Protein backbone atom coordinates (compact mmCIF):
# COMPACT_ATOMS: atom_id res chain seq x y z
CA UNK A 1 16.49 15.18 13.20
CA UNK A 2 15.23 11.88 12.16
CA UNK A 3 17.65 8.92 11.62
CA UNK A 4 17.60 7.77 8.26
CA UNK A 5 17.45 4.02 8.03
CA UNK A 6 20.02 2.29 5.58
CA UNK A 7 18.79 0.47 2.21
CA UNK A 8 16.65 -2.16 3.51
CA UNK A 9 17.06 -5.79 2.11
CA UNK A 10 13.71 -6.32 3.67
CA UNK A 11 10.81 -4.25 4.31
CA UNK A 12 7.76 -5.16 6.98
CA UNK A 13 5.14 -3.17 6.63
CA UNK A 14 2.71 -3.86 9.42
CA UNK A 15 -1.20 -3.35 10.08
CA UNK A 16 0.08 -0.15 12.21
CA UNK A 17 1.44 1.49 8.71
CA UNK A 18 -0.79 4.13 7.29
CA UNK A 19 1.43 5.46 4.12
CA UNK A 20 4.88 5.15 2.43
CA UNK A 21 5.48 8.50 0.81
CA UNK A 22 8.17 10.06 -1.30
CA UNK A 23 11.13 12.01 0.37
CA UNK A 24 13.70 13.51 -1.32
CA UNK A 25 16.64 13.36 1.43
CA UNK A 26 19.71 15.77 2.12
CA UNK A 27 21.87 13.99 -0.40
CA UNK A 28 19.03 14.61 -3.52
CA UNK A 29 18.72 10.83 -3.39
CA UNK A 30 14.97 9.19 -3.49
CA UNK A 31 14.14 8.05 -0.37
CA UNK A 32 10.58 7.43 1.97
CA UNK A 33 9.02 8.15 5.04
CA UNK A 34 6.59 5.08 6.42
CA UNK A 35 3.91 6.88 8.52
CA UNK A 36 2.71 4.22 11.20
CA UNK A 37 -0.09 5.32 13.72
CA UNK A 38 2.34 6.11 16.47
CA UNK A 39 5.86 6.64 14.51
CA UNK A 40 7.48 7.33 11.06
CA UNK A 41 10.56 6.19 9.77
CA UNK A 42 13.10 7.45 6.96
CA UNK A 43 14.19 5.19 4.46
CA UNK A 44 16.86 5.72 1.40
CA UNK A 45 14.63 3.52 -0.80
CA UNK A 46 11.84 5.11 -3.02
CA UNK A 47 8.50 4.23 -2.08
CA UNK A 48 7.35 1.53 -4.67
CA UNK A 49 11.03 -0.28 -3.80
CA UNK A 50 9.82 -0.22 -0.38
CA UNK A 51 6.51 -1.79 -1.15
CA UNK A 52 8.07 -4.10 -3.21
CA UNK A 53 10.29 -5.51 -0.55
CA UNK A 54 7.21 -5.28 1.66
CA UNK A 55 5.49 -7.82 -1.08
CA UNK A 56 8.65 -10.10 -0.66
CA UNK A 57 8.62 -10.07 2.66
CA UNK A 58 5.24 -11.63 2.76
CA UNK A 59 5.91 -14.13 -0.11
CA UNK A 60 5.47 -12.29 -3.40
CA UNK A 61 6.50 -9.09 -5.31
CA UNK A 62 4.82 -5.78 -6.56
CA UNK A 63 5.01 -7.26 -9.86
CA UNK A 64 3.17 -10.47 -8.47
CA UNK A 65 0.42 -8.44 -6.64
CA UNK A 66 -0.05 -6.52 -9.78
CA UNK A 67 -0.50 -9.13 -12.06
CA UNK A 68 -2.77 -10.79 -9.35
CA UNK A 69 -5.15 -7.66 -9.33
CA UNK A 70 -4.92 -7.79 -12.99
CA UNK A 71 -6.46 -11.65 -12.65
CA UNK A 72 -9.09 -10.78 -9.91
CA UNK A 73 -10.93 -7.62 -11.20
CA UNK A 74 -8.82 -6.14 -14.51
CA UNK A 75 -7.22 -3.39 -12.93
CA UNK A 76 -4.15 -2.58 -14.89
CA UNK A 77 -2.94 0.81 -14.29
CA UNK A 78 -2.22 2.32 -10.94
CA UNK A 79 -3.36 -1.21 -8.99
CA UNK A 80 -4.19 -1.57 -5.52
CA UNK A 81 -2.41 -4.41 -4.02
CA UNK A 82 -2.43 -6.47 -1.01
CA UNK A 83 0.75 -6.53 0.87
CA UNK A 84 -1.23 -9.33 3.17
CA UNK A 85 -4.43 -9.88 2.65
CA UNK A 86 -4.43 -11.74 6.06
CA UNK A 87 -3.62 -8.76 8.04
CA UNK A 88 -5.88 -6.71 6.07
CA UNK A 89 -3.23 -4.78 4.48
CA UNK A 90 -4.24 -3.18 1.16
CA UNK A 91 -2.32 -0.23 -0.13
CA UNK A 92 -2.99 1.75 -3.02
CA UNK A 93 -0.69 4.40 -5.21
CA UNK A 94 -1.54 7.87 -5.83
CA UNK A 95 0.40 7.72 -9.46
CA UNK A 96 2.52 5.69 -11.52
CA UNK A 97 4.37 3.25 -9.20
CA UNK A 98 7.07 4.01 -11.95
CA UNK A 99 7.49 7.49 -10.53
CA UNK A 100 9.58 8.33 -7.55
CA UNK A 101 7.03 10.90 -6.67
CA UNK A 102 4.53 7.74 -5.98
CA UNK A 103 2.76 7.44 -2.41
CA UNK A 104 1.03 4.58 -1.45
CA UNK A 105 -1.56 4.94 0.91
CA UNK A 106 -3.33 2.01 3.64
CA UNK A 107 -7.01 1.51 2.53
CA UNK A 108 -7.38 0.36 6.02
CA UNK A 109 -6.81 3.69 7.91
CA UNK A 110 -8.71 6.39 5.88
CA UNK A 111 -11.06 8.14 7.66
CA UNK A 112 -11.56 10.74 5.55
CA UNK A 113 -10.86 12.30 1.98
CA UNK A 114 -11.54 15.86 0.95
CA UNK A 115 -11.05 18.16 -1.99
CA UNK A 116 -8.39 21.00 -1.28
CA UNK A 117 -7.13 23.86 -3.43
CA UNK A 118 -5.33 23.56 -6.65
CA UNK A 119 -6.34 20.06 -7.47
CA UNK A 120 -4.88 18.38 -4.14
CA UNK A 121 -6.28 16.39 -1.85
CA UNK A 122 -6.52 16.44 1.89
CA UNK A 123 -6.39 12.86 3.07
CA UNK A 124 -7.16 12.15 7.11
CA UNK A 125 -6.46 8.82 9.02
CA UNK A 126 -8.46 7.32 11.78
CA UNK A 127 -5.85 8.44 14.20
CA UNK A 128 -6.32 12.24 13.33
CA UNK A 129 -3.33 12.59 11.09
CA UNK A 130 -3.39 14.54 7.91
CA UNK A 131 -1.76 14.77 4.67
CA UNK A 132 -2.52 16.92 1.55
CA UNK A 133 -1.60 15.10 -1.66
CA UNK A 134 -0.87 16.40 -4.73
CA UNK A 135 -3.52 14.31 -6.33
CA UNK A 136 -7.02 15.63 -7.61
CA UNK A 137 -9.82 14.27 -5.56
CA UNK A 138 -11.79 12.67 -8.03
CA UNK A 139 -8.20 10.25 -8.56
CA UNK A 140 -8.17 9.68 -5.05
CA UNK A 141 -11.59 8.49 -4.23
CA UNK A 142 -11.41 6.39 -7.71
CA UNK A 143 -8.28 4.65 -5.92
CA UNK A 144 -10.13 4.19 -2.67
CA UNK A 145 -13.13 2.49 -4.72
CA UNK A 146 -10.72 0.50 -6.86
CA UNK A 147 -9.31 -0.93 -3.75
CA UNK A 148 -12.65 -1.50 -2.30
CA UNK A 149 -13.60 -3.44 -5.21
CA UNK A 150 -10.31 -5.48 -5.14
CA UNK A 151 -10.61 -6.23 -1.29
CA UNK A 152 -14.11 -7.52 -1.67
CA UNK A 153 -13.12 -9.59 -4.47
CA UNK A 154 -10.28 -11.29 -3.10
CA UNK A 155 -12.04 -11.56 0.44
CA UNK A 156 -14.80 -13.37 -1.41
CA UNK A 157 -12.07 -15.79 -2.78
CA UNK A 158 -10.35 -16.37 0.65
CA UNK A 159 -13.80 -16.80 2.45
CA UNK A 160 -14.39 -19.22 -0.43
CA UNK A 161 -11.38 -21.57 0.25
CA UNK A 162 -12.29 -21.60 3.96
CA UNK A 163 -15.54 -22.67 3.58
CA UNK A 164 -14.28 -25.87 1.78
CA UNK A 165 -11.82 -26.60 4.29
CA UNK A 166 -8.86 -24.13 3.39
CA UNK A 167 -7.38 -24.95 6.74
CA UNK A 168 -6.26 -28.23 5.59
CA UNK A 169 -2.45 -28.50 4.94
CA UNK A 170 -1.75 -30.69 1.93
CA UNK A 171 0.88 -33.28 3.21
CA UNK A 172 1.35 -35.79 0.39
CA UNK A 173 3.88 -37.67 2.90
CA UNK A 174 1.49 -38.49 5.36
């Protein structure tokens, strides 16, 4: 039996994190399973709350990241987010982040997406791990494409800053 982690006060997702999935715990409470390339962990926190804590670990919040996506590319519903653009950690929700049934998928780890019976999708990660999600193929492809668009636009902004001395640190007292 897998050990269930306590309620985290902070959540550190890493570049090894492939997905954050909803999981109904034995006591009926909404929790999540964090799947990494070589391991998985269960937490007593719903997926979107876990994502919010991960955003806070990297200096923002889920709402802050969503507001940034809206400003950059106009996406307002089921917005993909960058947990940390420097590490390439971009995730997208499979449904409304307000729902405890929402899964969060890492854009960087996806190898293949295929339609499955009953309006479901089979997602294959680069390490060969597969998931069958209760999301239509069309919806999943839309989320992947929106994440790619956001990722491109944010990366373009970041590269523009570095081109013009973005590596300099402003120290007003020096």
